[in-house]
Structures are given as C-alpha cells and as structure tokens.
N, C-alpha and C. Protein backbone atom coordinates (compact mmCIF):
# COMPACT_ATOMS: atom_id res chain seq x y z
N UNK A 1 63.83 102.61 125.10
CA UNK A 1 63.29 102.13 126.51
C UNK A 1 63.61 100.61 126.84
N UNK A 2 64.31 100.65 127.79
CA UNK A 2 64.57 99.05 128.14
C UNK A 2 63.77 98.67 129.30
N UNK A 3 63.11 97.43 129.00
CA UNK A 3 62.10 97.04 129.99
C UNK A 3 62.89 95.95 131.02
N UNK A 4 62.40 95.68 132.31
CA UNK A 4 62.94 94.45 132.82
C UNK A 4 62.87 93.31 132.29
N UNK A 5 64.04 92.56 132.85
CA UNK A 5 64.02 91.02 132.62
C UNK A 5 62.78 90.35 132.60
N UNK A 6 62.03 89.90 131.61
CA UNK A 6 60.74 89.55 131.90
C UNK A 6 60.58 87.74 131.97
N UNK A 7 59.90 87.43 132.41
CA UNK A 7 59.31 86.07 132.72
C UNK A 7 57.75 85.79 132.25
N UNK A 8 57.68 85.01 131.32
CA UNK A 8 56.09 84.23 130.82
C UNK A 8 56.11 83.13 131.02
N UNK A 9 54.97 82.77 131.59
CA UNK A 9 54.13 81.64 131.96
C UNK A 9 53.04 81.15 130.88
N UNK A 10 53.05 80.39 130.25
CA UNK A 10 52.26 79.57 129.56
C UNK A 10 51.27 78.58 130.15
N UNK A 11 49.89 78.38 130.18
CA UNK A 11 49.53 77.27 130.61
C UNK A 11 49.36 76.27 129.57
N UNK A 12 49.45 75.00 130.05
CA UNK A 12 49.39 73.86 129.15
C UNK A 12 48.34 72.93 129.63
N UNK A 13 47.16 72.81 128.90
CA UNK A 13 46.16 72.05 129.09
C UNK A 13 46.43 70.43 129.24
N UNK A 14 45.29 69.84 129.78
CA UNK A 14 45.79 68.48 130.00
C UNK A 14 45.36 67.64 128.25
N UNK A 15 46.29 66.64 127.99
CA UNK A 15 46.22 65.95 126.88
C UNK A 15 47.33 66.69 126.23
N UNK A 16 47.80 67.55 126.33
CA UNK A 16 48.95 68.11 125.51
C UNK A 16 50.54 67.91 126.15
N UNK A 17 51.24 67.28 125.57
CA UNK A 17 52.66 67.16 126.10
C UNK A 17 53.65 68.03 125.44
N UNK A 18 54.36 68.47 126.18
CA UNK A 18 55.45 69.52 125.95
C UNK A 18 56.90 68.87 126.08
N UNK A 19 57.86 69.31 125.47
CA UNK A 19 59.13 68.64 125.63
C UNK A 19 59.96 69.96 125.11
N UNK A 20 61.01 70.21 125.88
CA UNK A 20 62.14 71.06 125.84
C UNK A 20 63.53 70.53 125.69
N UNK A 21 64.15 70.64 124.42
CA UNK A 21 65.26 70.05 124.37
C UNK A 21 66.07 71.03 123.73
N UNK A 22 67.00 71.85 124.65
CA UNK A 22 68.07 72.75 124.17
C UNK A 22 67.05 73.90 123.83
N UNK A 23 67.18 74.34 122.81
CA UNK A 23 66.49 75.55 122.02
C UNK A 23 65.21 75.13 120.94
N UNK A 24 64.52 74.05 121.42
CA UNK A 24 63.53 73.54 120.31
C UNK A 24 62.59 73.15 121.57
N UNK A 25 61.24 73.72 121.35
CA UNK A 25 60.14 73.74 122.03
C UNK A 25 59.03 72.78 121.14
N UNK A 26 58.71 71.55 121.44
CA UNK A 26 58.00 70.85 120.80
C UNK A 26 56.53 70.46 121.70
N UNK A 27 55.71 70.87 121.00
CA UNK A 27 54.20 70.62 121.48
C UNK A 27 53.50 69.51 120.70
N UNK A 28 52.83 68.18 121.63
CA UNK A 28 52.34 67.08 120.92
C UNK A 28 51.05 66.85 121.57
N UNK A 29 49.90 66.86 120.57
CA UNK A 29 48.66 66.55 121.10
C UNK A 29 47.87 65.71 120.00
N UNK A 30 46.44 65.40 119.94
CA UNK A 30 45.68 64.84 119.21
C UNK A 30 45.71 65.03 118.07
N UNK A 31 46.11 66.20 117.55
CA UNK A 31 45.64 66.58 115.96
C UNK A 31 47.20 66.82 115.46
N UNK A 32 48.26 66.65 116.19
CA UNK A 32 49.60 66.93 115.60
C UNK A 32 50.69 67.06 116.54
N UNK A 33 52.08 67.32 115.93
CA UNK A 33 53.00 67.61 116.74
C UNK A 33 53.79 68.88 116.21
N UNK A 34 53.92 69.92 116.84
CA UNK A 34 54.63 71.10 116.22
C UNK A 34 55.81 71.39 117.12
N UNK A 35 56.77 71.91 116.20
CA UNK A 35 58.03 72.38 116.97
C UNK A 35 58.49 73.71 116.66
N UNK A 36 59.01 74.55 117.22
CA UNK A 36 59.61 75.95 117.41
C UNK A 36 60.76 75.80 118.00
N UNK A 37 61.69 76.79 117.20
CA UNK A 37 63.09 77.00 118.09
C UNK A 37 63.16 78.36 118.46
N UNK A 38 63.72 78.46 119.57
CA UNK A 38 63.81 79.75 120.59
C UNK A 38 64.89 80.41 120.00
N UNK A 39 64.72 81.95 119.65
CA UNK A 39 65.90 82.88 119.71
C UNK A 39 66.77 82.80 120.69
N UNK A 40 68.08 83.25 120.37
CA UNK A 40 69.27 83.06 121.30
C UNK A 40 69.00 83.72 122.57
N UNK A 41 68.50 84.95 122.62
CA UNK A 41 68.39 85.66 123.82
C UNK A 41 66.98 85.01 124.64
N UNK A 42 66.08 84.06 124.08
CA UNK A 42 65.20 83.44 125.19
C UNK A 42 65.44 82.15 125.29
N UNK A 43 65.17 81.82 126.97
CA UNK A 43 65.38 80.56 127.36
C UNK A 43 63.90 79.91 127.74
N UNK A 44 64.05 78.70 127.67
CA UNK A 44 62.55 78.09 128.25
C UNK A 44 62.79 76.80 129.24
N UNK A 45 62.00 76.98 130.18
CA UNK A 45 61.97 75.48 130.98
C UNK A 45 60.40 75.36 131.30
N UNK A 46 60.29 73.74 131.68
CA UNK A 46 58.79 73.22 131.76
C UNK A 46 58.69 73.17 133.33
N UNK A 47 57.28 73.90 133.57
CA UNK A 47 56.69 74.05 135.03
C UNK A 47 55.96 72.94 135.41
N UNK A 48 54.95 73.14 136.44
CA UNK A 48 53.75 72.50 136.68
C UNK A 48 52.74 72.99 135.43
N UNK A 49 52.34 72.25 134.75
CA UNK A 49 51.55 72.12 133.68
C UNK A 49 51.71 73.92 133.01
N UNK A 50 52.92 74.41 132.82
CA UNK A 50 53.13 75.35 131.90
C UNK A 50 54.53 75.69 131.39
N UNK A 51 54.51 76.32 130.65
CA UNK A 51 55.85 76.69 129.94
C UNK A 51 56.44 78.11 130.30
N UNK A 52 57.44 77.78 131.06
CA UNK A 52 58.25 79.36 131.44
C UNK A 52 59.29 79.73 130.56
N UNK A 53 59.01 81.08 129.97
CA UNK A 53 59.93 81.77 129.15
C UNK A 53 60.47 82.93 129.66
N UNK A 54 62.02 82.90 129.66
CA UNK A 54 62.50 84.01 130.22
C UNK A 54 63.46 84.60 129.30
N UNK A 55 63.62 85.75 129.06
CA UNK A 55 64.48 86.49 128.28
C UNK A 55 65.71 87.14 129.24
N UNK A 56 66.92 87.02 128.28
CA UNK A 56 67.73 87.06 129.26
C UNK A 56 68.45 88.44 128.84
N UNK A 57 68.08 89.32 128.30
CA UNK A 57 68.26 91.05 127.78
C UNK A 57 67.10 91.66 128.31
N UNK A 58 67.14 93.22 128.19
CA UNK A 58 66.33 93.96 128.68
C UNK A 58 66.12 94.66 127.55
N UNK A 59 66.22 94.38 126.32
CA UNK A 59 66.19 95.12 125.05
C UNK A 59 64.71 95.08 124.52
N UNK A 60 64.21 96.10 123.92
CA UNK A 60 63.16 96.02 123.39
C UNK A 60 62.79 95.10 122.36
N UNK A 61 63.69 94.74 121.44
CA UNK A 61 63.71 93.71 120.72
C UNK A 61 63.65 92.44 121.27
N UNK A 62 64.29 92.11 122.08
CA UNK A 62 63.98 90.86 122.74
C UNK A 62 62.83 90.63 123.67
N UNK A 63 62.25 91.78 124.14
CA UNK A 63 60.69 91.93 124.66
C UNK A 63 59.74 91.39 123.86
N UNK A 64 60.02 92.12 122.61
CA UNK A 64 59.01 91.90 121.42
C UNK A 64 59.13 90.62 120.62
N UNK A 65 60.32 89.73 120.67
CA UNK A 65 60.58 88.74 120.23
C UNK A 65 59.93 87.53 121.38
N UNK A 66 60.02 87.98 122.79
CA UNK A 66 59.57 87.03 123.65
C UNK A 66 57.88 87.14 123.56
N UNK A 67 57.46 88.42 123.28
CA UNK A 67 55.79 88.42 123.35
C UNK A 67 55.28 87.64 122.07
N UNK A 68 56.18 87.93 121.01
CA UNK A 68 56.01 86.93 119.70
C UNK A 68 55.89 85.37 119.95
N UNK A 69 56.77 85.28 120.56
CA UNK A 69 56.99 83.67 120.79
C UNK A 69 55.95 83.10 121.95
N UNK A 70 55.37 83.95 122.71
CA UNK A 70 54.52 83.52 123.59
C UNK A 70 53.27 83.15 122.72
N UNK A 71 52.98 84.21 121.94
CA UNK A 71 51.49 83.82 120.88
C UNK A 71 51.80 82.71 120.12
N UNK A 72 53.01 82.51 119.46
CA UNK A 72 53.20 81.74 118.62
C UNK A 72 53.00 80.12 119.51
N UNK A 73 53.49 79.91 120.57
CA UNK A 73 53.43 78.88 121.50
C UNK A 73 51.87 78.54 121.78
N UNK A 74 51.09 79.72 122.14
CA UNK A 74 49.77 79.32 122.65
C UNK A 74 49.08 78.88 121.24
N UNK A 75 49.33 79.30 120.19
CA UNK A 75 48.59 78.95 118.70
C UNK A 75 49.14 77.47 118.73
N UNK A 76 50.18 77.15 118.84
CA UNK A 76 50.93 75.83 118.80
C UNK A 76 49.97 74.65 119.70
N UNK A 77 49.60 75.41 120.80
CA UNK A 77 49.02 74.44 121.96
C UNK A 77 47.64 74.28 121.63
N UNK A 78 46.97 75.50 120.77
CA UNK A 78 45.53 75.40 120.52
C UNK A 78 45.67 74.27 119.26
N UNK A 79 46.78 74.66 118.17
CA UNK A 79 46.65 73.76 117.11
C UNK A 79 46.61 72.35 117.30
N UNK A 80 47.56 71.86 118.56
CA UNK A 80 47.76 70.39 118.79
C UNK A 80 46.28 70.03 119.48
N UNK A 81 45.63 70.52 119.62
CA UNK A 81 44.07 70.30 120.17
C UNK A 81 43.24 70.47 119.25
N UNK A 82 43.03 71.67 118.38
CA UNK A 82 42.10 71.60 117.04
C UNK A 82 43.01 72.08 116.26
N UNK A 83 42.62 71.94 115.00
CA UNK A 83 43.01 72.28 113.85
C UNK A 83 42.46 73.79 113.48
N UNK A 84 43.56 74.69 112.81
CA UNK A 84 43.08 75.75 112.43
C UNK A 84 42.56 75.59 110.98
N UNK A 85 41.62 76.50 110.68
CA UNK A 85 40.77 76.22 109.12
C UNK A 85 40.64 77.83 108.61
N UNK A 86 41.03 77.86 107.35
CA UNK A 86 40.67 79.03 106.69
C UNK A 86 39.77 78.32 105.53
N UNK A 87 38.83 79.12 105.43
CA UNK A 87 37.62 79.26 104.19
C UNK A 87 37.77 80.22 103.09
N UNK A 88 37.97 79.85 102.00
CA UNK A 88 37.87 80.59 100.80
C UNK A 88 36.97 80.15 99.86
N UNK A 89 36.24 81.48 99.46
CA UNK A 89 35.06 81.21 98.24
C UNK A 89 35.87 81.78 97.23
N UNK A 90 35.32 80.77 96.00
CA UNK A 90 35.55 81.16 94.62
C UNK A 90 34.38 82.27 94.09
N UNK A 91 34.69 83.06 93.64
CA UNK A 91 33.89 84.09 92.91
C UNK A 91 34.25 84.40 91.49
N UNK A 92 33.32 84.21 90.60
CA UNK A 92 33.72 84.59 89.22
C UNK A 92 32.22 85.18 88.39
N UNK A 93 32.17 86.17 87.63
CA UNK A 93 31.18 86.59 86.93
C UNK A 93 31.51 86.50 85.57
N UNK A 94 32.58 86.57 84.86
CA UNK A 94 32.83 86.35 83.36
C UNK A 94 33.08 84.86 82.96
N UNK A 95 34.03 84.18 83.71
CA UNK A 95 34.60 83.03 83.24
C UNK A 95 34.61 81.84 84.32
N UNK A 96 34.00 80.75 84.21
CA UNK A 96 33.92 79.84 85.25
C UNK A 96 35.34 79.27 85.90
N UNK A 97 35.80 79.17 87.03
CA UNK A 97 36.93 79.04 87.48
C UNK A 97 36.85 77.67 87.93
N UNK A 98 37.81 76.69 87.62
CA UNK A 98 37.98 75.41 87.98
C UNK A 98 39.21 75.30 89.06
N UNK A 99 39.10 74.97 89.98
CA UNK A 99 39.97 74.64 91.24
C UNK A 99 40.07 73.13 91.30
N UNK A 100 41.30 72.48 91.28
CA UNK A 100 41.79 71.35 91.85
C UNK A 100 42.95 71.19 92.42
N UNK A 101 42.92 70.07 93.35
CA UNK A 101 44.27 69.54 93.92
C UNK A 101 45.00 68.91 93.13
N UNK A 102 46.48 69.07 92.84
CA UNK A 102 47.20 68.33 92.52
C UNK A 102 48.54 68.26 93.32
N UNK A 103 48.69 67.13 93.95
CA UNK A 103 49.83 66.84 94.77
C UNK A 103 49.95 67.95 95.78
N UNK A 104 50.83 68.49 95.58
CA UNK A 104 51.03 69.84 96.70
C UNK A 104 51.09 71.06 96.06
N UNK A 105 50.24 70.98 95.15
CA UNK A 105 49.96 72.20 94.33
C UNK A 105 48.17 72.15 94.24
N UNK A 106 47.70 73.62 94.47
CA UNK A 106 46.50 73.90 94.01
C UNK A 106 46.19 74.44 92.48
N UNK A 107 45.86 73.94 91.66
CA UNK A 107 45.66 74.47 90.22
C UNK A 107 44.31 75.18 90.01
N UNK A 108 44.43 76.42 89.37
CA UNK A 108 43.21 77.31 89.27
C UNK A 108 43.50 77.27 87.84
N UNK A 109 42.25 76.79 87.12
CA UNK A 109 42.32 76.75 85.62
C UNK A 109 41.17 77.83 85.11
N UNK A 110 41.23 78.06 83.96
CA UNK A 110 40.27 79.41 83.40
C UNK A 110 40.11 80.29 84.01
N UNK A 111 40.98 80.78 84.62
CA UNK A 111 40.98 82.25 85.54
C UNK A 111 41.05 83.41 84.61
N UNK A 112 39.82 84.08 84.69
CA UNK A 112 39.71 85.25 83.49
C UNK A 112 39.80 84.50 81.89
N UNK A 113 39.62 83.45 81.80
CA UNK A 113 39.66 82.78 80.25
C UNK A 113 40.98 82.56 80.05
N UNK A 114 41.84 82.53 80.96
CA UNK A 114 43.36 82.14 80.57
C UNK A 114 43.46 80.64 79.84
N UNK A 115 44.42 80.75 79.37
CA UNK A 115 44.79 79.22 78.67
C UNK A 115 45.43 78.46 79.67
N UNK A 116 46.69 78.94 80.28
CA UNK A 116 47.42 78.55 81.13
C UNK A 116 46.96 78.16 82.77
N UNK A 117 47.18 77.34 83.35
CA UNK A 117 46.47 77.36 84.67
C UNK A 117 47.58 77.95 85.55
N UNK A 118 46.81 78.65 86.64
CA UNK A 118 47.90 79.00 87.78
C UNK A 118 47.92 78.20 88.74
N UNK A 119 48.88 78.23 89.43
CA UNK A 119 49.01 77.18 90.74
C UNK A 119 49.41 78.04 91.87
N UNK A 120 48.87 77.49 93.13
CA UNK A 120 49.63 77.72 94.14
C UNK A 120 50.22 76.56 95.23
N UNK A 121 51.04 77.27 95.90
CA UNK A 121 51.84 75.95 96.75
C UNK A 121 50.99 75.63 97.84
N UNK A 122 50.83 74.18 98.35
CA UNK A 122 50.50 73.99 99.54
C UNK A 122 51.57 73.83 100.49
N UNK A 123 51.50 74.43 101.72
CA UNK A 123 52.76 74.27 102.61
C UNK A 123 52.62 73.05 103.38
N UNK A 124 53.97 72.33 103.52
CA UNK A 124 54.10 71.24 104.17
C UNK A 124 53.13 71.41 105.60
N UNK A 125 52.29 70.19 105.75
CA UNK A 125 51.36 70.00 107.01
C UNK A 125 50.12 70.36 106.91
N UNK A 126 49.76 71.08 105.46
CA UNK A 126 48.39 71.74 105.42
C UNK A 126 47.56 71.01 104.44
N UNK A 127 46.27 70.76 104.71
CA UNK A 127 45.40 70.20 103.81
C UNK A 127 44.58 70.75 103.01
N UNK A 128 44.07 70.57 101.87
CA UNK A 128 43.31 71.82 101.03
C UNK A 128 42.18 70.55 100.44
N UNK A 129 40.79 71.29 100.67
CA UNK A 129 39.94 70.42 100.17
C UNK A 129 38.89 71.51 99.31
N UNK A 130 38.56 70.98 98.33
CA UNK A 130 37.52 71.80 97.43
C UNK A 130 36.16 71.56 97.32
N UNK A 131 35.41 72.17 97.81
CA UNK A 131 33.89 71.79 97.74
C UNK A 131 32.99 72.41 97.27
N UNK A 132 32.83 72.46 95.48
CA UNK A 132 32.08 73.24 94.92
C UNK A 132 32.80 74.62 94.82
N UNK A 133 32.39 75.51 95.31
CA UNK A 133 32.73 77.07 95.35
C UNK A 133 33.28 77.52 96.67
N UNK A 134 33.55 76.55 97.57
CA UNK A 134 34.56 76.75 98.68
C UNK A 134 35.62 76.08 98.53
N UNK A 135 36.48 76.47 99.04
CA UNK A 135 37.97 75.80 99.43
C UNK A 135 38.50 75.71 100.80
N UNK A 136 38.58 74.68 101.40
CA UNK A 136 39.05 74.75 102.76
C UNK A 136 40.51 74.34 103.12
N UNK A 137 41.35 75.12 103.58
CA UNK A 137 42.63 74.58 104.11
C UNK A 137 42.84 74.46 105.64
N UNK A 138 43.42 73.35 105.98
CA UNK A 138 43.41 72.92 107.55
C UNK A 138 45.03 72.69 107.73
N UNK A 139 45.18 72.97 108.79
CA UNK A 139 46.45 72.66 109.52
C UNK A 139 46.53 72.57 110.99
N UNK A 140 47.15 71.68 111.66
CA UNK A 140 47.23 72.10 113.34
C UNK A 140 48.26 73.20 113.34
N UNK A 141 48.81 73.84 112.52
CA UNK A 141 50.08 74.89 112.68
C UNK A 141 49.24 76.19 111.76
N UNK A 142 48.94 77.19 112.74
CA UNK A 142 48.13 78.27 112.19
C UNK A 142 48.93 79.26 110.98
N UNK A 143 50.34 79.20 110.89
CA UNK A 143 51.22 79.53 109.99
C UNK A 143 51.12 78.63 108.61
N UNK A 144 51.00 77.55 108.64
CA UNK A 144 50.85 76.60 107.31
C UNK A 144 49.52 76.81 106.64
N UNK A 145 48.32 76.79 107.84
CA UNK A 145 47.03 77.01 106.93
C UNK A 145 46.85 78.49 106.47
N UNK A 146 47.26 79.39 107.10
CA UNK A 146 47.18 80.90 106.95
C UNK A 146 47.94 81.15 105.50
N UNK A 147 49.23 80.60 105.55
CA UNK A 147 50.23 80.59 104.40
C UNK A 147 49.48 79.94 103.33
N UNK A 148 48.88 78.65 103.17
CA UNK A 148 48.16 77.91 102.16
C UNK A 148 47.20 78.96 101.64
N UNK A 149 46.26 79.32 102.34
CA UNK A 149 45.29 79.99 101.98
C UNK A 149 45.79 81.36 101.50
N UNK A 150 46.66 82.14 101.89
CA UNK A 150 47.31 83.36 100.96
C UNK A 150 47.86 82.91 99.95
N UNK A 151 48.62 81.90 99.67
CA UNK A 151 49.18 81.59 98.43
C UNK A 151 47.99 81.31 97.27
N UNK A 152 46.91 80.66 97.84
CA UNK A 152 46.01 80.36 96.86
C UNK A 152 45.24 81.87 96.64
N UNK A 153 44.94 82.85 97.42
CA UNK A 153 44.41 83.89 97.29
C UNK A 153 45.07 84.58 96.13
N UNK A 154 46.48 84.77 96.43
CA UNK A 154 47.56 85.78 95.42
C UNK A 154 47.66 85.04 94.12
N UNK A 155 47.35 83.68 94.17
CA UNK A 155 47.55 83.01 92.57
C UNK A 155 46.38 83.58 91.74
N UNK A 156 45.30 83.91 92.25
CA UNK A 156 44.07 84.28 91.86
C UNK A 156 43.79 85.79 91.81
N UNK A 157 44.97 86.50 91.70
CA UNK A 157 44.87 87.76 91.76
C UNK A 157 44.55 88.62 90.41
N UNK A 158 43.64 89.41 90.27
CA UNK A 158 43.41 90.19 89.17
C UNK A 158 44.32 91.25 88.90
N UNK A 159 45.18 91.20 87.78
CA UNK A 159 45.97 92.27 87.27
C UNK A 159 45.92 92.55 85.91
N UNK A 160 46.29 93.88 85.46
CA UNK A 160 45.98 94.25 84.08
C UNK A 160 44.83 94.43 83.80
N UNK A 161 43.78 94.78 84.71
CA UNK A 161 42.23 94.89 84.36
C UNK A 161 41.63 95.58 85.31
N UNK A 162 40.61 96.31 85.13
CA UNK A 162 39.93 97.26 86.16
C UNK A 162 39.40 96.41 87.18
N UNK A 163 39.85 96.53 88.31
CA UNK A 163 39.43 95.65 89.38
C UNK A 163 38.00 96.13 89.93
N UNK A 164 37.29 97.11 89.71
CA UNK A 164 35.75 97.57 89.69
C UNK A 164 34.79 96.59 88.75
N UNK A 165 35.42 96.26 87.64
CA UNK A 165 34.52 95.65 86.85
C UNK A 165 34.73 93.94 86.68
N UNK A 166 36.27 93.47 86.61
CA UNK A 166 36.86 92.33 87.15
C UNK A 166 36.96 91.94 88.35
N UNK A 167 35.84 91.49 88.99
CA UNK A 167 36.05 91.14 90.50
C UNK A 167 36.04 89.65 90.60
N UNK A 168 36.54 89.21 89.76
CA UNK A 168 36.67 87.46 90.09
C UNK A 168 37.74 87.30 90.79
N UNK A 169 37.76 86.01 91.46
CA UNK A 169 38.88 85.78 92.38
C UNK A 169 38.63 84.52 93.11
N UNK A 170 39.70 84.35 94.23
CA UNK A 170 39.44 83.45 95.60
C UNK A 170 39.71 84.32 96.40
N UNK A 171 38.84 84.31 97.25
CA UNK A 171 38.81 85.22 98.63
C UNK A 171 38.78 84.26 99.87
N UNK A 172 39.66 84.84 101.15
CA UNK A 172 39.47 84.20 102.41
C UNK A 172 38.10 84.98 102.78
N UNK A 173 37.27 84.17 103.41
CA UNK A 173 35.87 84.71 103.96
C UNK A 173 35.83 84.39 105.45
N UNK A 174 36.41 83.18 105.91
CA UNK A 174 36.76 82.87 107.17
C UNK A 174 37.84 82.08 107.83
N UNK A 175 38.25 82.47 109.11
CA UNK A 175 39.39 81.86 109.60
C UNK A 175 39.02 81.59 111.17
N UNK A 176 39.97 80.46 111.59
CA UNK A 176 39.48 79.92 112.90
C UNK A 176 39.94 78.57 113.33
N UNK A 177 39.48 78.28 114.35
CA UNK A 177 40.36 76.70 114.77
C UNK A 177 38.98 76.18 114.82
N UNK A 178 38.75 74.60 114.15
CA UNK A 178 37.53 73.87 113.96
C UNK A 178 36.96 73.62 115.36
C-alpha cells in the first residue's frame, strides 16, 4: 500500500535552537545538544518555530521512517529541555548485591554469590548514580538513558537457576523525564 508523499511539522518551543545542515538535524537546549542524521529519502527544512520533514517517496517503508524520525526528534526536543531518567531497583534475597560506578562501567559485585563482578556499559552521554538500593540513569537522549538502564538490567539477569526461587536482580521500575 502506497501513501501520498507526506509532510510532517514538529513544533519547536522557545529556548530550543534547531540547526539543519545537509542531512543532520541538531537540537540544542539548556540540558544539552543532540544530533540526528536523516535517512536519504527524508529531507528537513526549518520553518517558523517548527521543523518540516518531507518524504520524497510514497513507499510504506519511507512512511514508517518518517513517523519514527518524527518521534525521535520530538524526544530530542524534550530531552534538550529536560533530561530523561530511568530508575532501577536492586532486589536480592539470597546474597547482598553491591553496585558501583567505575569510569564508563557499572560493576555489580556478589550477584547470586558470584566471585567475579558483572559489568554493564554506560552509553556515552548518560550519567549513572547509585543511592542505596536505587540506581538512576539520566541523559538528555532518551536512547542513551534507556540503553544504559537496559545494559544494567541485563547484566544482572538470573541464568541457570529457577527464576521462581531466585528472584534477585536489578529491574527498571520507573521511566520518564525529570
């Protein structure tokens, strides 16, 4: 099914600067600067307090790319104003889990009594903070905050044991913008 060539307008609030150079859209605000490269079948223009995206093709795949890019740029605009935050909870019943941030890694010690620490990578642009049994990941990019939280959650995954009994781990409990 082919769609008509589409044009999408994304409003830009005050205090946010948008620059379009070729195929790169950069959004700058008080919390940071985010850049996104456009696919070849989509072009962008700057209008009166808005970004205008145009699809050059009428294919379904192009339509899907346009809608995805619209949401990504809306999240970039939101992230330039407020940081995205993911809250994770450390849960254990058998062995106390110790979590520490070391450079660009999160180190999980004593998970299920393991001798070697498990590590999770912190995506560039994200910040991780450990407060007691809570872990907070913050970033102006929703992708960076979410991927860092997912890395931490998957590093503390139970394998080789009955998950009904060993319910230890680190789990995402809250998502959103500050």
